[in-house]
Protein backbone atom coordinates (compact mmCIF):
# COMPACT_ATOMS: atom_id res chain seq x y z
CA MET A 1 135.42 177.75 127.21
CA LEU A 2 136.06 179.82 123.54
CA THR A 3 140.38 179.57 124.16
CA ALA A 4 141.89 183.44 122.84
CA PRO A 5 141.33 183.77 118.86
CA ALA A 6 143.79 183.56 116.34
CA GLY A 7 145.20 186.50 115.74
CA LEU A 8 145.10 188.77 118.54
CA SER A 9 147.40 191.00 119.62
CA ALA A 10 150.26 190.79 122.92
CA GLU A 11 147.55 193.39 124.77
CA GLN A 12 144.11 191.11 123.44
CA GLU A 13 145.92 187.66 124.40
CA ASP A 14 146.79 189.55 128.01
CA LEU A 15 143.33 190.86 128.25
CA VAL A 16 141.81 187.51 128.01
CA THR A 17 143.95 186.35 130.33
CA GLU A 18 142.88 188.73 132.85
CA ILE A 19 138.70 187.92 132.01
CA ASP A 20 139.68 184.56 132.64
CA ALA A 21 141.38 185.65 136.70
CA MET A 22 138.14 187.39 136.88
CA VAL A 23 136.04 184.91 135.64
CA GLU A 24 138.33 182.59 138.53
CA ARG A 25 137.55 185.63 141.31
CA HIS A 26 133.99 185.77 140.42
CA GLY A 27 132.46 182.67 139.30
CA GLN A 28 131.09 181.67 135.89
CA GLY A 29 126.90 183.07 136.89
CA ARG A 30 125.13 185.27 135.63
CA ASP A 31 125.57 187.09 138.96
CA ALA A 32 129.13 187.54 138.10
CA LEU A 33 128.82 189.74 135.04
CA ILE A 34 128.50 193.26 136.57
CA PRO A 35 131.07 193.12 139.56
CA ILE A 36 133.85 191.55 136.01
CA LEU A 37 133.21 194.52 134.49
CA GLN A 38 133.00 196.92 137.73
CA GLU A 39 136.37 195.31 138.08
CA LEU A 40 137.54 195.53 134.01
CA GLN A 41 136.06 199.42 133.76
CA ALA A 42 138.17 199.73 136.88
CA THR A 43 141.51 197.86 135.74
CA HIS A 44 141.43 199.63 131.07
CA GLY A 45 138.85 203.10 131.81
CA GLN A 46 136.55 201.45 129.45
CA ILE A 47 134.70 198.04 128.18
CA GLU A 48 136.31 197.26 124.81
CA ASP A 49 134.09 194.60 122.24
CA LEU A 50 136.38 192.35 122.48
CA ALA A 51 136.48 192.80 126.65
CA MET A 52 132.42 192.29 125.99
CA GLN A 53 132.39 189.08 123.22
CA VAL A 54 135.23 187.32 125.91
CA VAL A 55 133.04 187.86 129.08
CA ALA A 56 129.85 187.19 127.62
CA ASN A 57 131.53 183.43 126.20
CA ARG A 58 133.07 183.28 129.88
CA LEU A 59 129.82 183.69 131.24
CA ARG A 60 127.86 182.02 128.69
CA MET A 61 126.05 184.63 127.56
CA SER A 62 125.26 186.53 124.31
CA ALA A 63 127.43 189.35 123.70
CA THR A 64 124.54 191.57 123.32
CA ASP A 65 122.77 190.77 126.91
CA VAL A 66 126.27 191.53 127.56
CA TYR A 67 126.35 194.89 125.86
CA GLY A 68 123.04 195.72 126.83
CA VAL A 69 124.23 195.51 129.80
CA VAL A 70 128.00 197.61 129.14
CA THR A 71 125.44 200.26 128.36
CA PHE A 72 122.59 200.20 129.89
CA TYR A 73 124.38 201.45 133.06
CA SER A 74 125.80 204.52 133.15
CA PHE A 75 128.39 203.60 135.08
CA LEU A 76 130.35 201.58 132.52
CA LYS A 77 131.37 203.19 129.82
CA THR A 78 132.40 202.17 125.36
CA ARG A 79 134.88 204.97 125.67
CA PRO A 80 137.65 205.94 127.70
CA THR A 81 137.27 208.57 130.14
CA GLY A 82 139.35 210.56 132.07
CA ARG A 83 141.25 210.07 135.40
CA HIS A 84 138.00 212.24 136.76
CA VAL A 85 134.63 211.86 136.03
CA ILE A 86 132.23 214.39 137.16
CA ARG A 87 128.59 213.22 136.69
CA MET A 88 125.98 216.62 137.51
CA CYS A 89 122.50 215.12 138.36
CA ARG A 90 119.76 216.78 135.78
CA ASN A 91 116.68 215.48 138.19
CA LEU A 92 114.05 217.93 139.05
CA SER A 93 115.33 218.64 142.30
CA CYS A 94 118.27 219.69 140.88
CA GLN A 95 117.12 221.26 137.61
CA PHE A 96 114.73 223.82 140.54
CA ALA A 97 118.28 224.23 142.30
CA GLY A 98 119.67 225.35 140.08
CA LYS A 99 121.91 222.88 138.22
CA GLN A 100 122.13 224.00 134.33
CA ALA A 101 124.41 227.22 135.97
CA VAL A 102 126.70 224.53 138.01
CA ALA A 103 126.96 223.11 135.01
CA GLU A 104 127.61 226.08 132.62
CA GLN A 105 130.26 227.56 135.24
CA LEU A 106 131.98 223.38 134.65
CA GLU A 107 131.65 223.87 131.04
CA ARG A 108 133.57 227.40 130.53
CA GLU A 109 136.37 226.14 133.59
CA LEU A 110 137.41 223.59 131.78
CA GLY A 111 136.45 224.53 127.95
CA VAL A 112 134.48 221.36 126.94
CA PRO A 113 130.93 220.38 127.10
CA PHE A 114 128.99 217.78 128.56
CA GLY A 115 129.98 214.11 127.22
CA GLU A 116 133.21 215.05 126.81
CA THR A 117 136.79 214.71 128.37
CA THR A 118 139.49 217.46 128.78
CA GLU A 119 142.04 217.43 125.98
CA ASP A 120 144.59 216.39 128.61
CA GLY A 121 142.55 213.72 129.70
CA LEU A 122 142.43 214.57 133.48
CA ILE A 123 138.40 215.58 133.87
CA THR A 124 135.13 214.38 131.67
CA LEU A 125 131.60 215.67 132.23
CA GLU A 126 128.71 213.84 131.59
CA TRP A 127 124.83 213.42 132.75
CA VAL A 128 123.00 211.06 135.37
CA ASN A 129 119.66 211.30 136.02
CA CYS A 130 120.09 210.37 140.12
CA ILE A 131 122.01 210.02 141.88
CA GLY A 132 120.13 210.29 145.50
CA GLN A 133 121.18 214.00 146.52
CA CYS A 134 118.06 215.31 145.75
CA ASP A 135 118.08 216.44 149.57
CA ARG A 136 121.20 218.39 148.75
CA ALA A 137 120.53 219.66 145.28
CA PRO A 138 121.81 220.69 142.93
CA ALA A 139 124.34 217.34 143.56
CA MET A 140 127.04 216.01 141.23
CA LEU A 141 129.59 213.17 142.08
CA ILE A 142 134.10 213.09 141.92
CA ASP A 143 134.42 209.81 140.96
CA ASP A 144 132.66 208.06 143.90
CA GLN A 145 132.73 211.31 146.46
CA ALA A 146 128.89 213.60 146.17
CA TYR A 147 128.07 216.45 146.09
CA GLY A 148 125.88 218.72 147.18
CA ALA A 149 124.20 221.71 147.38
CA VAL A 150 127.05 222.69 144.65
CA THR A 151 126.73 226.22 143.15
CA PRO A 152 128.01 227.91 140.59
CA GLY A 153 130.71 229.84 142.61
CA GLN A 154 132.84 227.08 144.58
CA ILE A 155 133.61 225.01 140.59
CA GLY A 156 136.68 226.92 140.86
CA GLY A 157 137.73 225.45 144.33
CA ILE A 158 136.24 222.04 143.13
CA LEU A 159 138.64 222.25 140.18
CA ALA A 160 141.65 223.40 141.27
CA ASP A 161 142.58 220.61 144.10
CA LEU A 162 141.85 217.93 141.00
CA GLY A 163 144.56 219.50 139.30
CA ALA A 164 141.99 220.20 137.02
CA ILE A 165 142.62 224.72 136.92
CA ASP A 166 145.17 226.99 138.11
CA ARG A 167 143.85 228.43 141.81
């Protein structure tokens, strides 16, 4: 197993130590990859290049394989996100049920387009392909909470509850 490369900052060394503890908890098999990445995401809000390299080394995988997993799953990020992430479903059910009007209201209220984070770092808007709420379209997730049959008129109240806007 590779030790931490020379020349790392104290913060980077702490990250390596943290990953080693995660590997100790989850194991060194390939089946530990997703739990470790989820824990890194939850702890840091993103998965940095160094983290991917260290995880790959600890699990005896290529860094390319780890990067492929991180970039495949929409809930894993290589750049910081807001404290809250609003994921708007863009499948056909939601499209036909009016997701565009809801999305436009979100963008208007927050002042940022999808794929961006508010200036205060509170909210990130993201598109996702499905959240399993087709019977309640249009649907969105805010962090881990699903919202179904969302209308543009509900957006102000939802954002006020998050502290994103004053109402």
